[in-house]
Amino acid sequence: MPHIAIEYTDNVSDLLDATGLVDAMHATAKRLGVFPHWGIRTFATAVETSRIADDAVDGPTGYVHVRVKIAAGRDEATTGRIVEEFHRTFPAHLVDLCADRPVGFQLEVFEFDPSMTRSGGSIAGSPTRATPTY
């Protein structure tokens, strides 16, 4: 972990550098030094249908939402540092976007519930590396 999911309304696709934001958030996760390299996953998705604030569909108001899921069990100071570092990175990539049009954004960091989570796959180094069973 972490799993970093970035969603943005597609009416901001013209100014949002989604690849740059993915790269920056991924680099932040690495730089923090609290996540195993094999556990970092970062992706972005444009949301085609949305309503933001009081705009009609396809209105000018945009939105960018980042969810960072982390494993449970870190102390409060470490979790606070994780939130602050991602918060430093995230808005820095929205400056031009927010200057051009009304845009809302939010960062959420939350813990997986270990009793409700299972993992697997074949990523090198992962302790959950296993052949899938279907």
N, C-alpha and C. Protein backbone atom coordinates (compact mmCIF):
# COMPACT_ATOMS: atom_id res chain seq x y z
N MET A 1 0.84 -1.14 0.00
CA MET A 1 0.00 0.00 0.00
C MET A 1 0.90 1.23 0.00
N PRO A 2 0.50 2.31 -0.42
CA PRO A 2 -0.87 2.78 -0.57
C PRO A 2 -1.43 2.50 -1.96
N HIS A 3 -2.73 2.59 -2.03
CA HIS A 3 -3.43 2.61 -3.30
C HIS A 3 -3.96 4.03 -3.45
N ILE A 4 -3.52 4.69 -4.50
CA ILE A 4 -3.86 6.10 -4.72
C ILE A 4 -4.76 6.18 -5.94
N ALA A 5 -6.03 6.52 -5.72
CA ALA A 5 -7.01 6.61 -6.79
C ALA A 5 -7.38 8.07 -7.01
N ILE A 6 -7.14 8.55 -8.21
CA ILE A 6 -7.44 9.94 -8.57
C ILE A 6 -8.61 9.92 -9.55
N GLU A 7 -9.65 10.64 -9.20
CA GLU A 7 -10.79 10.81 -10.11
C GLU A 7 -10.96 12.29 -10.39
N TYR A 8 -11.27 12.61 -11.64
CA TYR A 8 -11.48 14.01 -11.99
C TYR A 8 -12.60 14.09 -13.02
N THR A 9 -13.37 15.18 -12.95
CA THR A 9 -14.43 15.37 -13.93
C THR A 9 -13.80 15.62 -15.29
N ASP A 10 -14.41 15.05 -16.30
CA ASP A 10 -13.75 15.14 -17.60
C ASP A 10 -13.79 16.55 -18.20
N ASN A 11 -14.55 17.45 -17.58
CA ASN A 11 -14.54 18.84 -18.06
C ASN A 11 -13.28 19.60 -17.63
N VAL A 12 -12.37 18.93 -16.90
CA VAL A 12 -11.08 19.56 -16.58
C VAL A 12 -9.92 18.84 -17.26
N SER A 13 -10.22 17.87 -18.10
CA SER A 13 -9.18 17.08 -18.77
C SER A 13 -8.24 17.93 -19.61
N ASP A 14 -8.74 19.05 -20.13
CA ASP A 14 -7.92 19.88 -21.00
C ASP A 14 -6.78 20.58 -20.25
N LEU A 15 -6.94 20.84 -18.96
CA LEU A 15 -5.89 21.53 -18.21
C LEU A 15 -5.22 20.68 -17.14
N LEU A 16 -5.82 19.58 -16.75
CA LEU A 16 -5.23 18.73 -15.72
C LEU A 16 -4.20 17.80 -16.36
N ASP A 17 -3.00 17.84 -15.87
CA ASP A 17 -1.97 16.90 -16.30
C ASP A 17 -2.10 15.66 -15.42
N ALA A 18 -3.00 14.76 -15.83
CA ALA A 18 -3.28 13.57 -15.02
C ALA A 18 -2.04 12.69 -14.86
N THR A 19 -1.27 12.55 -15.93
CA THR A 19 -0.05 11.73 -15.84
C THR A 19 0.94 12.36 -14.87
N GLY A 20 1.09 13.67 -14.94
CA GLY A 20 1.99 14.36 -14.00
C GLY A 20 1.53 14.23 -12.57
N LEU A 21 0.21 14.29 -12.34
CA LEU A 21 -0.32 14.14 -10.99
C LEU A 21 -0.11 12.71 -10.49
N VAL A 22 -0.35 11.72 -11.34
CA VAL A 22 -0.09 10.32 -10.97
C VAL A 22 1.39 10.15 -10.60
N ASP A 23 2.27 10.66 -11.45
CA ASP A 23 3.71 10.53 -11.19
C ASP A 23 4.11 11.21 -9.88
N ALA A 24 3.57 12.40 -9.63
CA ALA A 24 3.92 13.15 -8.42
C ALA A 24 3.41 12.45 -7.15
N MET A 25 2.18 11.96 -7.19
CA MET A 25 1.63 11.27 -6.02
C MET A 25 2.38 9.97 -5.77
N HIS A 26 2.73 9.26 -6.83
CA HIS A 26 3.48 8.01 -6.71
C HIS A 26 4.87 8.28 -6.11
N ALA A 27 5.51 9.34 -6.59
CA ALA A 27 6.83 9.72 -6.08
C ALA A 27 6.74 10.12 -4.60
N THR A 28 5.68 10.80 -4.22
CA THR A 28 5.49 11.17 -2.82
C THR A 28 5.38 9.92 -1.95
N ALA A 29 4.61 8.94 -2.41
CA ALA A 29 4.48 7.69 -1.65
C ALA A 29 5.84 7.03 -1.46
N LYS A 30 6.66 7.02 -2.51
CA LYS A 30 8.01 6.43 -2.41
C LYS A 30 8.87 7.23 -1.43
N ARG A 31 8.84 8.56 -1.57
CA ARG A 31 9.68 9.45 -0.78
C ARG A 31 9.36 9.36 0.72
N LEU A 32 8.13 9.08 1.07
CA LEU A 32 7.75 9.00 2.48
C LEU A 32 8.53 7.92 3.22
N GLY A 33 8.92 6.86 2.51
CA GLY A 33 9.72 5.82 3.13
C GLY A 33 8.98 4.92 4.10
N VAL A 34 7.65 4.93 4.05
CA VAL A 34 6.86 4.10 4.97
C VAL A 34 6.06 3.03 4.24
N PHE A 35 6.17 2.99 2.91
CA PHE A 35 5.42 2.02 2.11
C PHE A 35 6.39 1.12 1.35
N PRO A 36 6.10 -0.17 1.24
CA PRO A 36 6.95 -1.04 0.43
C PRO A 36 6.79 -0.68 -1.05
N HIS A 37 7.89 -0.69 -1.79
CA HIS A 37 7.83 -0.28 -3.21
C HIS A 37 6.83 -1.10 -4.01
N TRP A 38 6.71 -2.37 -3.69
CA TRP A 38 5.81 -3.26 -4.43
C TRP A 38 4.33 -3.00 -4.12
N GLY A 39 4.06 -2.23 -3.08
CA GLY A 39 2.67 -2.01 -2.68
C GLY A 39 2.06 -0.71 -3.17
N ILE A 40 2.86 0.13 -3.83
CA ILE A 40 2.36 1.43 -4.27
C ILE A 40 1.66 1.27 -5.61
N ARG A 41 0.39 1.69 -5.66
CA ARG A 41 -0.39 1.66 -6.90
C ARG A 41 -1.07 3.02 -7.05
N THR A 42 -0.90 3.63 -8.20
CA THR A 42 -1.44 4.97 -8.42
C THR A 42 -2.10 5.00 -9.80
N PHE A 43 -3.32 5.49 -9.85
CA PHE A 43 -4.01 5.57 -11.14
C PHE A 43 -5.00 6.72 -11.13
N ALA A 44 -5.36 7.17 -12.34
CA ALA A 44 -6.30 8.29 -12.49
C ALA A 44 -7.37 7.90 -13.49
N THR A 45 -8.57 8.39 -13.24
CA THR A 45 -9.72 8.10 -14.09
C THR A 45 -10.53 9.38 -14.29
N ALA A 46 -10.88 9.65 -15.53
CA ALA A 46 -11.80 10.76 -15.82
C ALA A 46 -13.23 10.26 -15.62
N VAL A 47 -14.02 11.07 -14.96
CA VAL A 47 -15.43 10.75 -14.73
C VAL A 47 -16.24 11.50 -15.78
N GLU A 48 -16.93 10.75 -16.63
CA GLU A 48 -17.64 11.37 -17.74
C GLU A 48 -18.93 12.07 -17.34
N THR A 49 -19.64 11.55 -16.38
CA THR A 49 -20.92 12.12 -15.99
C THR A 49 -20.84 12.61 -14.55
N SER A 50 -21.13 13.89 -14.35
CA SER A 50 -21.04 14.45 -13.01
C SER A 50 -21.90 15.71 -12.90
N ARG A 51 -22.18 16.07 -11.69
CA ARG A 51 -22.78 17.36 -11.36
C ARG A 51 -22.00 17.90 -10.18
N ILE A 52 -21.50 19.10 -10.32
CA ILE A 52 -20.69 19.71 -9.28
C ILE A 52 -21.33 21.01 -8.86
N ALA A 53 -21.55 21.16 -7.57
CA ALA A 53 -22.18 22.35 -6.99
C ALA A 53 -23.53 22.58 -7.65
N ASP A 54 -23.77 23.77 -8.18
CA ASP A 54 -25.07 24.04 -8.79
C ASP A 54 -25.01 24.08 -10.32
N ASP A 55 -23.93 23.56 -10.89
CA ASP A 55 -23.81 23.52 -12.35
C ASP A 55 -24.65 22.41 -12.95
N ALA A 56 -25.07 22.61 -14.17
CA ALA A 56 -25.75 21.56 -14.93
C ALA A 56 -24.69 20.60 -15.47
N VAL A 57 -25.13 19.49 -16.01
CA VAL A 57 -24.20 18.55 -16.63
C VAL A 57 -23.38 19.30 -17.67
N ASP A 58 -22.08 19.01 -17.71
CA ASP A 58 -21.13 19.66 -18.61
C ASP A 58 -20.92 21.14 -18.29
N GLY A 59 -21.30 21.55 -17.08
CA GLY A 59 -21.04 22.93 -16.66
C GLY A 59 -19.55 23.15 -16.46
N PRO A 60 -19.15 24.38 -16.18
CA PRO A 60 -17.73 24.69 -16.11
C PRO A 60 -17.05 24.28 -14.80
N THR A 61 -17.81 23.95 -13.76
CA THR A 61 -17.19 23.61 -12.49
C THR A 61 -16.59 22.21 -12.54
N GLY A 62 -15.34 22.09 -12.13
CA GLY A 62 -14.66 20.81 -12.14
C GLY A 62 -14.40 20.30 -10.74
N TYR A 63 -13.94 19.07 -10.66
CA TYR A 63 -13.66 18.46 -9.36
C TYR A 63 -12.57 17.42 -9.53
N VAL A 64 -11.66 17.36 -8.56
CA VAL A 64 -10.59 16.36 -8.52
C VAL A 64 -10.60 15.76 -7.12
N HIS A 65 -10.66 14.44 -7.06
CA HIS A 65 -10.75 13.74 -5.78
C HIS A 65 -9.65 12.68 -5.73
N VAL A 66 -8.90 12.68 -4.64
CA VAL A 66 -7.85 11.68 -4.45
C VAL A 66 -8.15 10.89 -3.19
N ARG A 67 -8.18 9.56 -3.35
CA ARG A 67 -8.34 8.65 -2.21
C ARG A 67 -7.06 7.87 -2.06
N VAL A 68 -6.51 7.90 -0.87
CA VAL A 68 -5.29 7.16 -0.56
C VAL A 68 -5.64 6.14 0.51
N LYS A 69 -5.60 4.87 0.12
CA LYS A 69 -5.87 3.79 1.07
C LYS A 69 -4.54 3.23 1.56
N ILE A 70 -4.41 3.15 2.89
CA ILE A 70 -3.18 2.65 3.49
C ILE A 70 -3.50 1.49 4.42
N ALA A 71 -2.49 0.69 4.71
CA ALA A 71 -2.65 -0.40 5.67
C ALA A 71 -2.83 0.19 7.07
N ALA A 72 -3.58 -0.49 7.87
CA ALA A 72 -3.83 -0.06 9.25
C ALA A 72 -2.61 -0.29 10.13
N GLY A 73 -2.57 0.42 11.25
CA GLY A 73 -1.58 0.13 12.28
C GLY A 73 -0.46 1.14 12.45
N ARG A 74 -0.43 2.20 11.65
CA ARG A 74 0.62 3.20 11.83
C ARG A 74 0.25 4.13 12.98
N ASP A 75 1.26 4.68 13.62
CA ASP A 75 0.98 5.62 14.71
C ASP A 75 0.45 6.94 14.14
N GLU A 76 -0.13 7.75 15.01
CA GLU A 76 -0.77 8.99 14.60
C GLU A 76 0.19 9.96 13.93
N ALA A 77 1.41 10.04 14.41
CA ALA A 77 2.40 10.95 13.83
C ALA A 77 2.73 10.55 12.39
N THR A 78 2.90 9.26 12.15
CA THR A 78 3.21 8.78 10.80
C THR A 78 2.03 9.00 9.87
N THR A 79 0.84 8.69 10.34
CA THR A 79 -0.36 8.91 9.52
C THR A 79 -0.52 10.39 9.20
N GLY A 80 -0.28 11.25 10.18
CA GLY A 80 -0.35 12.69 9.95
C GLY A 80 0.65 13.16 8.92
N ARG A 81 1.85 12.60 8.96
CA ARG A 81 2.89 12.95 7.97
C ARG A 81 2.48 12.50 6.58
N ILE A 82 1.86 11.33 6.48
CA ILE A 82 1.37 10.82 5.19
C ILE A 82 0.35 11.80 4.61
N VAL A 83 -0.62 12.20 5.43
CA VAL A 83 -1.66 13.14 4.98
C VAL A 83 -1.02 14.45 4.52
N GLU A 84 -0.13 15.00 5.32
CA GLU A 84 0.47 16.30 5.00
C GLU A 84 1.32 16.24 3.73
N GLU A 85 2.09 15.19 3.56
CA GLU A 85 2.93 15.09 2.36
C GLU A 85 2.09 14.96 1.09
N PHE A 86 1.05 14.14 1.14
CA PHE A 86 0.17 14.04 -0.04
C PHE A 86 -0.56 15.36 -0.27
N HIS A 87 -0.92 16.05 0.81
CA HIS A 87 -1.61 17.33 0.66
C HIS A 87 -0.68 18.40 0.09
N ARG A 88 0.59 18.33 0.36
CA ARG A 88 1.55 19.27 -0.26
C ARG A 88 1.67 19.01 -1.76
N THR A 89 1.67 17.76 -2.14
CA THR A 89 1.86 17.38 -3.54
C THR A 89 0.62 17.66 -4.38
N PHE A 90 -0.53 17.25 -3.90
CA PHE A 90 -1.78 17.28 -4.67
C PHE A 90 -2.17 18.68 -5.16
N PRO A 91 -2.41 19.66 -4.28
CA PRO A 91 -2.85 20.98 -4.77
C PRO A 91 -1.83 21.69 -5.65
N ALA A 92 -0.55 21.38 -5.47
CA ALA A 92 0.48 22.02 -6.29
C ALA A 92 0.28 21.72 -7.77
N HIS A 93 -0.37 20.62 -8.09
CA HIS A 93 -0.63 20.25 -9.49
C HIS A 93 -1.95 20.79 -10.01
N LEU A 94 -2.64 21.56 -9.19
CA LEU A 94 -3.94 22.10 -9.60
C LEU A 94 -3.95 23.62 -9.75
N VAL A 95 -2.81 24.25 -9.59
CA VAL A 95 -2.73 25.71 -9.61
C VAL A 95 -3.29 26.29 -10.90
N ASP A 96 -2.81 25.83 -12.06
CA ASP A 96 -3.29 26.36 -13.34
C ASP A 96 -4.77 26.05 -13.54
N LEU A 97 -5.14 24.84 -13.17
CA LEU A 97 -6.53 24.42 -13.32
C LEU A 97 -7.46 25.31 -12.51
N CYS A 98 -7.12 25.57 -11.26
CA CYS A 98 -7.97 26.40 -10.39
C CYS A 98 -7.97 27.87 -10.81
N ALA A 99 -6.91 28.30 -11.47
CA ALA A 99 -6.85 29.69 -11.94
C ALA A 99 -7.75 29.90 -13.15
N ASP A 100 -7.98 28.83 -13.92
CA ASP A 100 -8.73 28.93 -15.17
C ASP A 100 -10.24 28.82 -15.00
N ARG A 101 -10.69 28.09 -13.98
CA ARG A 101 -12.13 27.84 -13.80
C ARG A 101 -12.40 27.43 -12.37
N PRO A 102 -13.68 27.42 -11.97
CA PRO A 102 -13.99 26.95 -10.62
C PRO A 102 -13.77 25.43 -10.52
N VAL A 103 -12.98 25.05 -9.54
CA VAL A 103 -12.65 23.64 -9.34
C VAL A 103 -12.63 23.35 -7.84
N GLY A 104 -13.27 22.27 -7.45
CA GLY A 104 -13.17 21.78 -6.09
C GLY A 104 -12.22 20.61 -6.07
N PHE A 105 -11.58 20.39 -4.94
CA PHE A 105 -10.73 19.21 -4.82
C PHE A 105 -10.71 18.73 -3.38
N GLN A 106 -10.44 17.43 -3.22
CA GLN A 106 -10.39 16.83 -1.90
C GLN A 106 -9.40 15.68 -1.89
N LEU A 107 -8.71 15.54 -0.78
CA LEU A 107 -7.80 14.44 -0.52
C LEU A 107 -8.34 13.68 0.68
N GLU A 108 -8.46 12.37 0.55
CA GLU A 108 -8.87 11.51 1.66
C GLU A 108 -7.80 10.46 1.87
N VAL A 109 -7.37 10.27 3.10
CA VAL A 109 -6.47 9.18 3.44
C VAL A 109 -7.21 8.34 4.46
N PHE A 110 -7.33 7.05 4.18
CA PHE A 110 -8.01 6.18 5.13
C PHE A 110 -7.39 4.80 5.13
N GLU A 111 -7.65 4.06 6.19
CA GLU A 111 -7.05 2.74 6.36
C GLU A 111 -7.97 1.63 5.85
N PHE A 112 -7.34 0.63 5.25
CA PHE A 112 -8.05 -0.60 4.92
C PHE A 112 -8.48 -1.26 6.22
N ASP A 113 -9.60 -1.91 6.22
CA ASP A 113 -10.01 -2.77 7.33
C ASP A 113 -9.39 -4.13 7.04
N PRO A 114 -8.38 -4.56 7.82
CA PRO A 114 -7.70 -5.81 7.51
C PRO A 114 -8.62 -7.03 7.51
N SER A 115 -9.69 -6.98 8.28
CA SER A 115 -10.59 -8.13 8.29
C SER A 115 -11.45 -8.22 7.03
N MET A 116 -11.48 -7.12 6.25
CA MET A 116 -12.31 -7.07 5.05
C MET A 116 -11.48 -6.96 3.78
N THR A 117 -10.17 -7.21 3.87
CA THR A 117 -9.28 -7.03 2.73
C THR A 117 -8.50 -8.31 2.46
N ARG A 118 -8.41 -8.66 1.20
CA ARG A 118 -7.59 -9.78 0.75
C ARG A 118 -6.80 -9.30 -0.46
N SER A 119 -5.58 -9.78 -0.60
CA SER A 119 -4.72 -9.36 -1.71
C SER A 119 -4.10 -10.57 -2.36
N GLY A 120 -3.60 -10.37 -3.57
CA GLY A 120 -2.90 -11.42 -4.29
C GLY A 120 -2.29 -10.85 -5.54
N GLY A 121 -1.70 -11.69 -6.33
CA GLY A 121 -1.12 -11.24 -7.58
C GLY A 121 0.28 -11.77 -7.75
N SER A 122 0.99 -11.20 -8.70
CA SER A 122 2.32 -11.70 -9.01
C SER A 122 3.36 -10.58 -9.07
N ILE A 123 3.17 -9.52 -8.30
CA ILE A 123 4.14 -8.43 -8.27
C ILE A 123 5.36 -8.88 -7.47
N ALA A 124 6.53 -8.73 -8.07
CA ALA A 124 7.77 -9.16 -7.43
C ALA A 124 7.95 -8.48 -6.07
N GLY A 125 8.31 -9.27 -5.07
CA GLY A 125 8.56 -8.75 -3.73
C GLY A 125 7.35 -8.78 -2.82
N SER A 126 6.17 -8.92 -3.39
CA SER A 126 4.95 -8.88 -2.59
C SER A 126 4.80 -10.16 -1.77
N PRO A 127 4.48 -10.02 -0.48
CA PRO A 127 4.27 -11.22 0.33
C PRO A 127 2.96 -11.93 -0.05
N THR A 128 2.11 -11.27 -0.81
CA THR A 128 0.85 -11.90 -1.24
C THR A 128 0.99 -12.51 -2.62
N ARG A 129 2.21 -12.54 -3.14
CA ARG A 129 2.44 -13.11 -4.46
C ARG A 129 1.95 -14.57 -4.47
N ALA A 130 0.99 -14.81 -5.29
CA ALA A 130 0.41 -16.16 -5.37
C ALA A 130 -0.27 -16.33 -6.72
N THR A 131 -0.42 -17.57 -7.11
CA THR A 131 -1.15 -17.85 -8.33
C THR A 131 -2.63 -17.71 -8.05
N PRO A 132 -3.34 -16.92 -8.85
CA PRO A 132 -4.78 -16.74 -8.59
C PRO A 132 -5.54 -18.06 -8.68
N THR A 133 -6.52 -18.18 -7.83
CA THR A 133 -7.44 -19.33 -7.91
C THR A 133 -8.80 -18.78 -8.26
N TYR A 134 -9.41 -19.38 -9.23
CA TYR A 134 -10.71 -18.89 -9.69
C TYR A 134 -11.78 -19.89 -9.41
